[in-house]
Amino acid sequence: MSPQLPFRPLMGPQPPNDPMFPPKPPMAPQSPSDPKMDPCSFSNPKYPYNPPQTPNEIDFPSQSPNVWGICHPGDMQVYRNGAVLRPWRMKEWWLQVGLLGVPLLAVYLHIPPPQLSPALRSWKSSGSFFTYKDLNIFYRDSSGAVGSSDVVVLLHGFPTSSYDWSKIWEGLTQRFHRVIALDFLGFGFSDKPRPHGYSIFEQATIVEGLLRHLGLRHQRINLLSHDYGDTVAQELLHRYEHNRTGSILINSLCLSNGGIFPETNHPRFIQKLLKDGGLLSPLLLRLMNFFFFSGGLGAVFGPYTQPSQAELWDMWAAVRNNDGNLVMDSILQYINQRKKHRERWVGALMSTSVPLHLIYGPLDPVNPQPEFLQLYKKVLPMSTVSVLDDHISHYPQLEDPLGFLNAYLNFINSF
């Protein structure tokens, strides 16, 4: 067993016959470019031996007499018989990771939006655009039942689009003369300007502009709304009740699973983070991908009524169209607007004489049972209510399209 030798730092040339640094066996002459050349050889012209000059270059304690020396300080490696023992100095690994991560992140942030599915392409191709203040607004307008003069306008929710109504579209055309839906500014196939001060007031003005564009300014309109669209409908109702110039004539209003009362509305964590995230919000929006989007949206569907992967991809494609994911933080200010204008918008519902109905998915985590429904019935006792099956959640028109359609048609046929 070799005796334990004291540690002797490499502070300069070592004395001959030092047991701690015995002579190195001679090596055959090799080319400096030969990969087998010992990089720690003191005679290596590529790495001439320079005794350590600073404390940072002092060798570490060794228990072995077979340490031949150190490499050139630029390599900062210690060798034993040509084999690496340990790093001489910590490599800046984070710099290497950063150099690799920057291009990967750049590629990730510039991933193009997913291609539209045939169903979504068909939805878009069957629609049109009208111009609002140099901005393009997408809408669909289908003629339906012969002999009926009734018109229904559909107002979608956040963060999706008019495509939310696709499962009940045909059923509505069998009852109404015209079925109309639009993508709000910042949603679906409509323009998504940024920076832009998105507001419920502007969306209501866009709806009024669309109906003027379609020649329906003096036509009585049935409004069917969901989520974000509920709040737009409340603003339209307020204007109608106060005889505002340009307001539409509302024949009936049906709401569904919207944040009608701010005190019983519970936005998802990511929504609260984005609307109040400040400088963090743009970064989160750029990092958002299908995985996070589908997980968040799936959480507001019932356990037995989850959307398919194809449906989720359609929703994500509509969001990503025109870089819509980058304006979500601005659009989400509607949550604060609901609180600020509660008296105006809840007051419109309380004072109206327009037939009012609610279709409600009771498993909704955003507007949960029983607190939401109890408050709704207390504040709006004149409204009728349809509560769907217990497993239906926040998107009733997608989770139970037949139940939703029947509930709505029963309401329309009741007056």
Protein backbone atom coordinates (compact mmCIF):
# COMPACT_ATOMS: atom_id res chain seq x y z
CA MET A 1 0.00 0.00 0.00
CA SER A 2 1.41 3.38 -1.04
CA PRO A 3 2.29 5.73 1.81
CA GLN A 4 0.18 8.81 2.23
CA LEU A 5 2.04 11.79 0.85
CA PRO A 6 1.48 15.34 1.97
CA PHE A 7 -0.11 17.75 -0.44
CA ARG A 8 2.38 19.99 -2.12
CA PRO A 9 0.90 22.84 -4.25
CA LEU A 10 2.34 23.49 -7.67
CA MET A 11 3.91 26.83 -6.84
CA GLY A 12 6.79 26.53 -9.30
CA PRO A 13 9.24 24.05 -10.77
CA GLN A 14 9.39 20.91 -8.65
CA PRO A 15 12.69 19.54 -7.30
CA PRO A 16 14.07 16.49 -9.05
CA ASN A 17 13.17 13.05 -7.72
CA ASP A 18 10.22 14.45 -5.86
CA PRO A 19 8.14 11.38 -4.85
CA MET A 20 5.00 13.40 -5.39
CA PHE A 21 5.92 14.11 -9.03
CA PRO A 22 8.02 11.23 -10.36
CA PRO A 23 9.48 11.58 -13.85
CA LYS A 24 7.03 10.92 -16.61
CA PRO A 25 7.86 8.02 -18.93
CA PRO A 26 9.30 9.22 -22.23
CA MET A 27 6.86 9.44 -25.12
CA ALA A 28 7.52 8.83 -28.77
CA PRO A 29 7.65 12.03 -30.82
CA GLN A 30 4.23 12.92 -32.05
CA SER A 31 2.71 15.62 -34.17
CA PRO A 32 1.00 18.36 -32.14
CA SER A 33 -2.13 17.64 -34.16
CA ASP A 34 -2.09 13.95 -33.25
CA PRO A 35 -5.29 13.35 -31.17
CA LYS A 36 -3.44 10.76 -29.08
CA MET A 37 -0.86 13.25 -27.94
CA ASP A 38 -0.84 13.74 -24.18
CA PRO A 39 -2.09 17.31 -23.71
CA CYS A 40 -0.41 17.49 -20.34
CA SER A 41 3.04 16.61 -21.53
CA PHE A 42 5.43 19.31 -20.41
CA SER A 43 7.14 19.02 -23.77
CA ASN A 44 3.93 19.44 -25.75
CA PRO A 45 4.51 22.48 -27.98
CA LYS A 46 0.75 23.10 -28.10
CA TYR A 47 0.54 23.26 -24.31
CA PRO A 48 3.92 24.40 -22.97
CA TYR A 49 4.24 23.93 -19.26
CA ASN A 50 3.71 27.11 -17.27
CA PRO A 51 3.97 26.75 -13.51
CA PRO A 52 0.91 28.07 -11.67
CA GLN A 53 1.27 31.75 -10.89
CA THR A 54 -1.92 32.57 -9.01
CA PRO A 55 -3.88 30.97 -6.15
CA ASN A 56 -6.58 30.09 -8.66
CA GLU A 57 -4.13 27.73 -10.35
CA ILE A 58 -3.03 25.83 -7.21
CA ASP A 59 -3.51 22.10 -7.53
CA PHE A 60 -6.03 20.16 -5.46
CA PRO A 61 -4.93 17.66 -2.79
CA SER A 62 -4.00 14.29 -4.24
CA GLN A 63 -3.75 10.96 -2.49
CA SER A 64 -1.96 9.37 -5.43
CA PRO A 65 1.76 9.57 -6.33
CA ASN A 66 0.85 9.17 -10.00
CA VAL A 67 -0.17 12.73 -10.71
CA TRP A 68 2.05 13.93 -13.51
CA GLY A 69 1.05 17.56 -13.55
CA ILE A 70 -1.50 20.02 -14.82
CA CYS A 71 -2.55 21.03 -18.30
CA HIS A 72 -2.12 24.40 -19.81
CA PRO A 73 -4.15 26.83 -17.67
CA GLY A 74 -6.41 27.55 -20.64
CA ASP A 75 -7.72 23.99 -20.47
CA MET A 76 -7.97 23.88 -16.70
CA GLN A 77 -7.95 20.08 -16.54
CA VAL A 78 -5.90 17.76 -14.29
CA TYR A 79 -4.67 14.51 -15.77
CA ARG A 80 -3.36 11.20 -14.42
CA ASN A 81 -1.44 9.26 -17.04
CA GLY A 82 -3.30 11.17 -19.72
CA ALA A 83 -6.82 10.62 -18.27
CA VAL A 84 -8.95 13.49 -17.05
CA LEU A 85 -9.32 13.53 -13.27
CA ARG A 86 -11.57 16.53 -12.74
CA PRO A 87 -12.36 20.01 -14.13
CA TRP A 88 -9.69 22.51 -13.22
CA ARG A 89 -12.24 25.29 -13.27
CA MET A 90 -16.05 25.24 -13.46
CA LYS A 91 -17.17 25.55 -17.06
CA GLU A 92 -19.80 28.23 -17.81
CA TRP A 93 -22.38 25.56 -18.63
CA TRP A 94 -25.20 28.07 -18.41
CA LEU A 95 -23.61 30.01 -21.26
CA GLN A 96 -23.54 26.92 -23.44
CA VAL A 97 -27.17 26.14 -22.56
CA GLY A 98 -28.11 29.74 -23.31
CA LEU A 99 -26.40 29.71 -26.69
CA LEU A 100 -28.33 26.58 -27.55
CA GLY A 101 -31.60 27.76 -25.98
CA VAL A 102 -31.82 31.15 -27.69
CA PRO A 103 -32.27 29.79 -31.23
CA LEU A 104 -34.62 27.08 -29.98
CA LEU A 105 -36.74 29.69 -28.18
CA ALA A 106 -36.74 31.88 -31.29
CA VAL A 107 -38.00 28.96 -33.35
CA TYR A 108 -40.65 28.16 -30.71
CA LEU A 109 -41.93 31.74 -30.63
CA HIS A 110 -42.27 31.77 -34.41
CA ILE A 111 -44.13 28.49 -34.78
CA PRO A 112 -46.82 29.25 -37.35
CA PRO A 113 -50.46 28.80 -36.37
CA PRO A 114 -51.95 25.38 -37.08
CA GLN A 115 -53.63 24.86 -40.41
CA LEU A 116 -57.39 25.13 -40.47
CA SER A 117 -59.28 21.85 -40.47
CA PRO A 118 -61.68 21.21 -43.37
CA ALA A 119 -64.60 21.98 -41.03
CA LEU A 120 -63.09 25.29 -39.93
CA ARG A 121 -62.16 26.22 -43.51
CA SER A 122 -65.74 25.52 -44.55
CA TRP A 123 -67.03 27.74 -41.72
CA LYS A 124 -64.78 30.57 -42.83
CA SER A 125 -65.50 30.20 -46.53
CA SER A 126 -69.25 30.38 -45.89
CA GLY A 127 -68.85 33.69 -44.06
CA SER A 128 -68.04 37.26 -45.05
CA PHE A 129 -66.32 40.37 -43.67
CA PHE A 130 -67.50 43.87 -43.04
CA THR A 131 -65.38 46.87 -42.14
CA TYR A 132 -65.47 48.65 -38.81
CA LYS A 133 -63.04 51.60 -38.58
CA ASP A 134 -60.70 49.98 -41.14
CA LEU A 135 -60.84 46.69 -39.23
CA ASN A 136 -62.23 43.50 -40.76
CA ILE A 137 -64.96 41.73 -38.80
CA PHE A 138 -65.93 38.17 -39.76
CA TYR A 139 -69.57 37.11 -39.71
CA ARG A 140 -71.91 34.42 -40.99
CA ASP A 141 -75.42 35.10 -42.21
CA SER A 142 -77.58 32.12 -43.20
CA SER A 143 -81.09 32.18 -44.55
CA GLY A 144 -83.36 29.66 -42.95
CA ALA A 145 -87.02 28.89 -42.44
CA VAL A 146 -89.37 29.99 -45.18
CA GLY A 147 -92.35 31.95 -43.92
CA SER A 148 -90.62 33.19 -40.78
CA SER A 149 -89.42 36.73 -40.33
CA ASP A 150 -87.54 36.09 -37.10
CA VAL A 151 -83.83 36.90 -36.87
CA VAL A 152 -81.43 35.55 -34.27
CA VAL A 153 -77.97 36.99 -33.58
CA LEU A 154 -75.46 34.80 -31.75
CA LEU A 155 -72.79 36.30 -29.46
CA HIS A 156 -69.92 33.96 -28.55
CA GLY A 157 -67.70 33.73 -25.48
CA PHE A 158 -64.04 34.04 -24.51
CA PRO A 159 -61.56 32.90 -25.84
CA THR A 160 -63.31 31.16 -28.71
CA SER A 161 -65.33 32.32 -31.71
CA SER A 162 -68.56 32.11 -33.68
CA TYR A 163 -67.64 28.49 -34.41
CA ASP A 164 -68.99 27.73 -30.92
CA TRP A 165 -72.46 27.80 -32.50
CA SER A 166 -71.69 25.28 -35.25
CA LYS A 167 -73.43 22.34 -33.54
CA ILE A 168 -76.78 24.14 -33.28
CA TRP A 169 -76.52 26.20 -36.48
CA GLU A 170 -78.62 23.91 -38.66
CA GLY A 171 -81.27 23.54 -35.97
CA LEU A 172 -81.58 27.31 -35.70
CA THR A 173 -81.95 27.75 -39.47
CA GLN A 174 -85.01 25.49 -39.35
CA ARG A 175 -86.73 27.93 -37.01
CA PHE A 176 -85.42 31.39 -37.94
CA HIS A 177 -85.52 33.31 -41.18
CA ARG A 178 -81.94 34.48 -40.66
CA VAL A 179 -79.22 33.19 -38.35
CA ILE A 180 -76.30 35.58 -37.84
CA ALA A 181 -73.08 35.21 -35.86
CA LEU A 182 -69.89 37.25 -35.76
CA ASP A 183 -66.38 36.96 -34.43
CA PHE A 184 -65.85 39.83 -32.03
CA LEU A 185 -62.85 42.08 -32.63
CA GLY A 186 -59.79 40.17 -31.40
CA PHE A 187 -61.42 36.76 -31.86
CA GLY A 188 -61.60 34.06 -34.53
CA PHE A 189 -61.19 35.32 -38.09
CA SER A 190 -61.72 39.00 -37.27
CA ASP A 191 -58.80 41.40 -37.05
CA LYS A 192 -56.80 41.43 -33.82
CA PRO A 193 -55.09 44.81 -33.58
CA ARG A 194 -52.40 45.41 -30.99
CA PRO A 195 -51.93 47.48 -29.04
CA HIS A 196 -55.63 48.15 -28.72
CA GLY A 197 -58.00 49.06 -25.93
CA TYR A 198 -60.53 46.23 -26.21
CA SER A 199 -63.82 46.92 -24.48
CA ILE A 200 -67.36 45.58 -24.17
CA PHE A 201 -68.66 48.97 -25.35
CA GLU A 202 -66.76 48.69 -28.62
CA GLN A 203 -67.94 45.13 -29.21
CA ALA A 204 -71.56 46.25 -28.75
CA THR A 205 -70.99 49.05 -31.27
CA ILE A 206 -69.60 46.48 -33.72
CA VAL A 207 -72.76 44.37 -33.37
CA GLU A 208 -74.87 47.45 -34.10
CA GLY A 209 -72.67 48.23 -37.09
CA LEU A 210 -73.03 44.71 -38.46
CA LEU A 211 -76.83 44.85 -38.30
CA ARG A 212 -76.84 48.22 -40.06
CA HIS A 213 -74.53 46.71 -42.68
CA LEU A 214 -77.02 43.86 -43.18
CA GLY A 215 -79.98 46.22 -43.43
CA LEU A 216 -81.53 45.06 -40.14
CA ARG A 217 -81.49 48.31 -38.21
CA HIS A 218 -85.30 48.39 -37.94
CA GLN A 219 -85.73 44.62 -37.55
CA ARG A 220 -86.53 43.17 -34.16
CA ILE A 221 -83.65 40.92 -33.12
CA ASN A 222 -83.50 37.86 -30.86
CA LEU A 223 -80.17 37.77 -29.03
CA LEU A 224 -78.62 34.45 -27.98
CA SER A 225 -75.39 34.87 -26.05
CA HIS A 226 -72.78 32.94 -24.09
CA ASP A 227 -70.09 33.95 -21.55
CA TYR A 228 -68.32 37.09 -22.87
CA GLY A 229 -71.23 37.54 -25.26
CA ASP A 230 -73.60 37.81 -22.29
CA THR A 231 -71.89 41.02 -21.22
CA VAL A 232 -72.03 42.43 -24.75
CA ALA A 233 -75.75 41.57 -24.80
CA GLN A 234 -76.23 43.40 -21.48
CA GLU A 235 -74.67 46.54 -22.96
CA LEU A 236 -76.88 46.25 -26.06
CA LEU A 237 -79.90 45.88 -23.78
CA HIS A 238 -78.92 48.97 -21.80
CA ARG A 239 -78.71 51.02 -25.00
CA TYR A 240 -82.05 49.69 -26.20
CA GLU A 241 -83.77 50.45 -22.88
CA HIS A 242 -82.38 53.99 -22.92
CA ASN A 243 -83.27 54.61 -26.58
CA ARG A 244 -79.70 55.26 -27.57
CA THR A 245 -79.22 56.41 -31.16
CA GLY A 246 -78.23 53.47 -33.34
CA SER A 247 -79.32 50.86 -30.84
CA ILE A 248 -80.84 47.66 -32.13
CA LEU A 249 -84.42 46.62 -31.49
CA ILE A 250 -84.30 43.64 -29.13
CA ASN A 251 -87.15 41.17 -29.32
CA SER A 252 -85.78 38.71 -26.74
CA LEU A 253 -82.59 37.88 -24.87
CA CYS A 254 -81.29 34.44 -23.88
CA LEU A 255 -78.13 34.28 -21.76
CA SER A 256 -75.96 31.24 -21.01
CA ASN A 257 -73.20 30.64 -18.46
CA GLY A 258 -71.81 34.16 -18.43
CA GLY A 259 -70.36 36.37 -15.72
CA ILE A 260 -73.56 38.34 -15.32
CA PHE A 261 -72.77 39.02 -11.66
CA PRO A 262 -69.10 39.79 -10.93
CA GLU A 263 -69.50 38.61 -7.33
CA THR A 264 -70.36 35.05 -8.41
CA ASN A 265 -67.96 34.92 -11.34
CA HIS A 266 -64.68 33.06 -10.76
CA PRO A 267 -62.21 33.58 -13.62
CA ARG A 268 -59.59 30.88 -14.11
CA PHE A 269 -56.15 31.47 -12.58
CA ILE A 270 -54.51 32.04 -15.95
CA GLN A 271 -57.14 34.66 -16.81
CA LYS A 272 -56.45 36.60 -13.61
CA LEU A 273 -52.71 36.27 -14.18
CA LEU A 274 -52.91 37.58 -17.74
CA LYS A 275 -55.24 40.51 -17.04
CA ASP A 276 -53.12 41.76 -14.13
CA GLY A 277 -49.72 40.38 -15.15
CA GLY A 278 -48.23 43.66 -16.35
CA LEU A 279 -44.93 43.08 -18.13
CA LEU A 280 -45.21 39.36 -17.46
CA SER A 281 -48.36 38.96 -19.59
CA PRO A 282 -46.72 39.40 -23.03
CA LEU A 283 -44.13 36.76 -22.17
CA LEU A 284 -46.78 34.31 -20.96
CA LEU A 285 -48.84 34.88 -24.10
CA ARG A 286 -45.86 34.17 -26.36
CA LEU A 287 -45.08 31.00 -24.44
CA MET A 288 -48.67 29.76 -24.63
CA ASN A 289 -49.09 26.62 -26.72
CA PHE A 290 -51.74 24.05 -27.54
CA PHE A 291 -50.87 21.95 -24.48
CA PHE A 292 -51.60 24.76 -22.01
CA PHE A 293 -54.57 26.05 -23.99
CA SER A 294 -56.28 22.67 -24.24
CA GLY A 295 -55.65 21.93 -20.57
CA GLY A 296 -57.17 25.23 -19.46
CA LEU A 297 -60.16 25.00 -21.76
CA GLY A 298 -60.83 21.35 -20.98
CA ALA A 299 -61.08 22.27 -17.29
CA VAL A 300 -64.31 24.21 -17.92
CA PHE A 301 -65.99 21.31 -19.74
CA GLY A 302 -67.76 18.52 -17.89
CA PRO A 303 -65.92 15.23 -17.29
CA TYR A 304 -68.22 13.35 -19.68
CA THR A 305 -68.51 16.10 -22.29
CA GLN A 306 -64.87 16.89 -23.01
CA PRO A 307 -64.14 18.26 -26.48
CA SER A 308 -62.27 15.98 -28.86
CA GLN A 309 -58.68 16.70 -29.85
CA ALA A 310 -59.94 17.83 -33.25
CA GLU A 311 -62.35 20.29 -31.62
CA LEU A 312 -59.62 21.64 -29.36
CA TRP A 313 -57.32 22.11 -32.33
CA ASP A 314 -60.08 24.03 -34.12
CA MET A 315 -60.46 26.32 -31.11
CA TRP A 316 -56.69 26.81 -30.87
CA ALA A 317 -56.41 27.49 -34.61
CA ALA A 318 -59.07 30.20 -34.31
CA VAL A 319 -57.19 31.76 -31.37
CA ARG A 320 -53.83 31.65 -33.17
CA ASN A 321 -55.27 33.13 -36.36
CA ASN A 322 -53.90 36.67 -36.80
CA ASP A 323 -51.79 36.20 -33.63
CA GLY A 324 -54.86 36.27 -31.43
CA ASN A 325 -52.97 34.74 -28.51
CA LEU A 326 -51.02 38.00 -28.21
CA VAL A 327 -54.10 40.15 -27.50
CA MET A 328 -55.69 38.00 -24.79
CA ASP A 329 -54.38 40.14 -21.95
CA SER A 330 -56.00 43.23 -23.47
CA ILE A 331 -59.30 41.46 -24.11
CA LEU A 332 -59.36 40.08 -20.57
CA GLN A 333 -59.84 43.59 -19.22
CA TYR A 334 -63.54 42.82 -19.66
CA ILE A 335 -63.35 41.15 -16.23
CA ASN A 336 -62.48 44.50 -14.66
CA GLN A 337 -65.08 46.24 -16.84
CA ARG A 338 -67.78 43.92 -15.47
CA LYS A 339 -66.97 45.04 -11.95
CA LYS A 340 -66.74 48.71 -12.85
CA HIS A 341 -70.04 48.76 -14.78
CA ARG A 342 -72.03 46.24 -12.72
CA GLU A 343 -74.80 48.69 -11.93
CA ARG A 344 -75.23 49.59 -15.59
CA TRP A 345 -75.29 46.04 -16.93
CA VAL A 346 -77.15 44.25 -14.14
CA GLY A 347 -79.52 47.19 -13.98
CA ALA A 348 -80.37 46.72 -17.65
CA LEU A 349 -81.52 43.16 -16.93
CA MET A 350 -83.51 44.22 -13.87
CA SER A 351 -85.41 46.98 -15.61
CA THR A 352 -86.12 45.42 -19.00
CA SER A 353 -89.50 44.31 -20.26
CA VAL A 354 -87.86 42.19 -22.98
CA PRO A 355 -88.51 38.42 -22.60
CA LEU A 356 -85.49 37.08 -20.72
CA HIS A 357 -84.22 33.53 -20.40
CA LEU A 358 -81.18 31.71 -19.01
CA ILE A 359 -79.81 28.35 -20.20
CA TYR A 360 -77.43 27.05 -17.56
CA GLY A 361 -74.90 24.25 -17.36
CA PRO A 362 -74.85 23.59 -13.59
CA LEU A 363 -71.34 22.09 -13.42
CA ASP A 364 -69.78 25.39 -14.47
CA PRO A 365 -66.69 26.20 -12.34
CA VAL A 366 -66.65 29.80 -13.60
CA ASN A 367 -70.23 30.59 -12.54
CA PRO A 368 -70.79 27.83 -10.00
CA GLN A 369 -73.92 26.29 -8.64
CA PRO A 370 -75.68 27.10 -6.35
CA GLU A 371 -74.42 30.63 -5.68
CA PHE A 372 -74.83 31.89 -9.25
CA LEU A 373 -78.29 30.42 -9.87
CA GLN A 374 -79.62 31.50 -6.50
CA LEU A 375 -78.52 35.08 -7.07
CA TYR A 376 -79.87 35.07 -10.64
CA LYS A 377 -83.33 33.97 -9.52
CA LYS A 378 -83.31 36.45 -6.66
CA VAL A 379 -82.26 39.47 -8.74
CA LEU A 380 -84.16 38.54 -11.92
CA PRO A 381 -87.35 36.77 -10.79
CA MET A 382 -89.16 37.62 -14.03
CA SER A 383 -86.65 35.61 -16.10
CA THR A 384 -87.30 31.98 -17.03
CA VAL A 385 -84.52 29.42 -16.53
CA SER A 386 -83.53 26.13 -18.15
CA VAL A 387 -81.05 24.05 -16.15
CA LEU A 388 -79.42 21.32 -18.22
CA ASP A 389 -78.21 17.93 -16.99
CA ASP A 390 -75.96 17.86 -13.95
CA HIS A 391 -72.82 16.94 -15.95
CA ILE A 392 -73.06 19.94 -18.32
CA SER A 393 -70.57 22.69 -17.61
CA HIS A 394 -69.47 26.05 -19.02
CA TYR A 395 -70.03 25.40 -22.76
CA PRO A 396 -73.58 24.01 -22.86
CA GLN A 397 -74.10 24.63 -26.59
CA LEU A 398 -71.10 22.36 -27.31
CA GLU A 399 -71.54 19.85 -24.48
CA ASP A 400 -75.28 19.27 -24.97
CA PRO A 401 -76.25 20.87 -28.28
CA LEU A 402 -79.60 19.11 -28.53
CA GLY A 403 -80.59 19.98 -24.95
CA PHE A 404 -79.43 23.56 -25.46
CA LEU A 405 -81.32 23.93 -28.76
CA ASN A 406 -84.54 22.49 -27.34
CA ALA A 407 -84.35 24.77 -24.32
CA TYR A 408 -83.86 27.82 -26.54
CA LEU A 409 -86.63 26.94 -29.00
CA ASN A 410 -89.04 26.29 -26.12
CA PHE A 411 -88.28 29.78 -24.84
CA ILE A 412 -88.71 31.39 -28.30
CA ASN A 413 -92.02 29.62 -28.84
CA SER A 414 -93.33 30.67 -25.43
CA PHE A 415 -94.12 34.29 -26.29
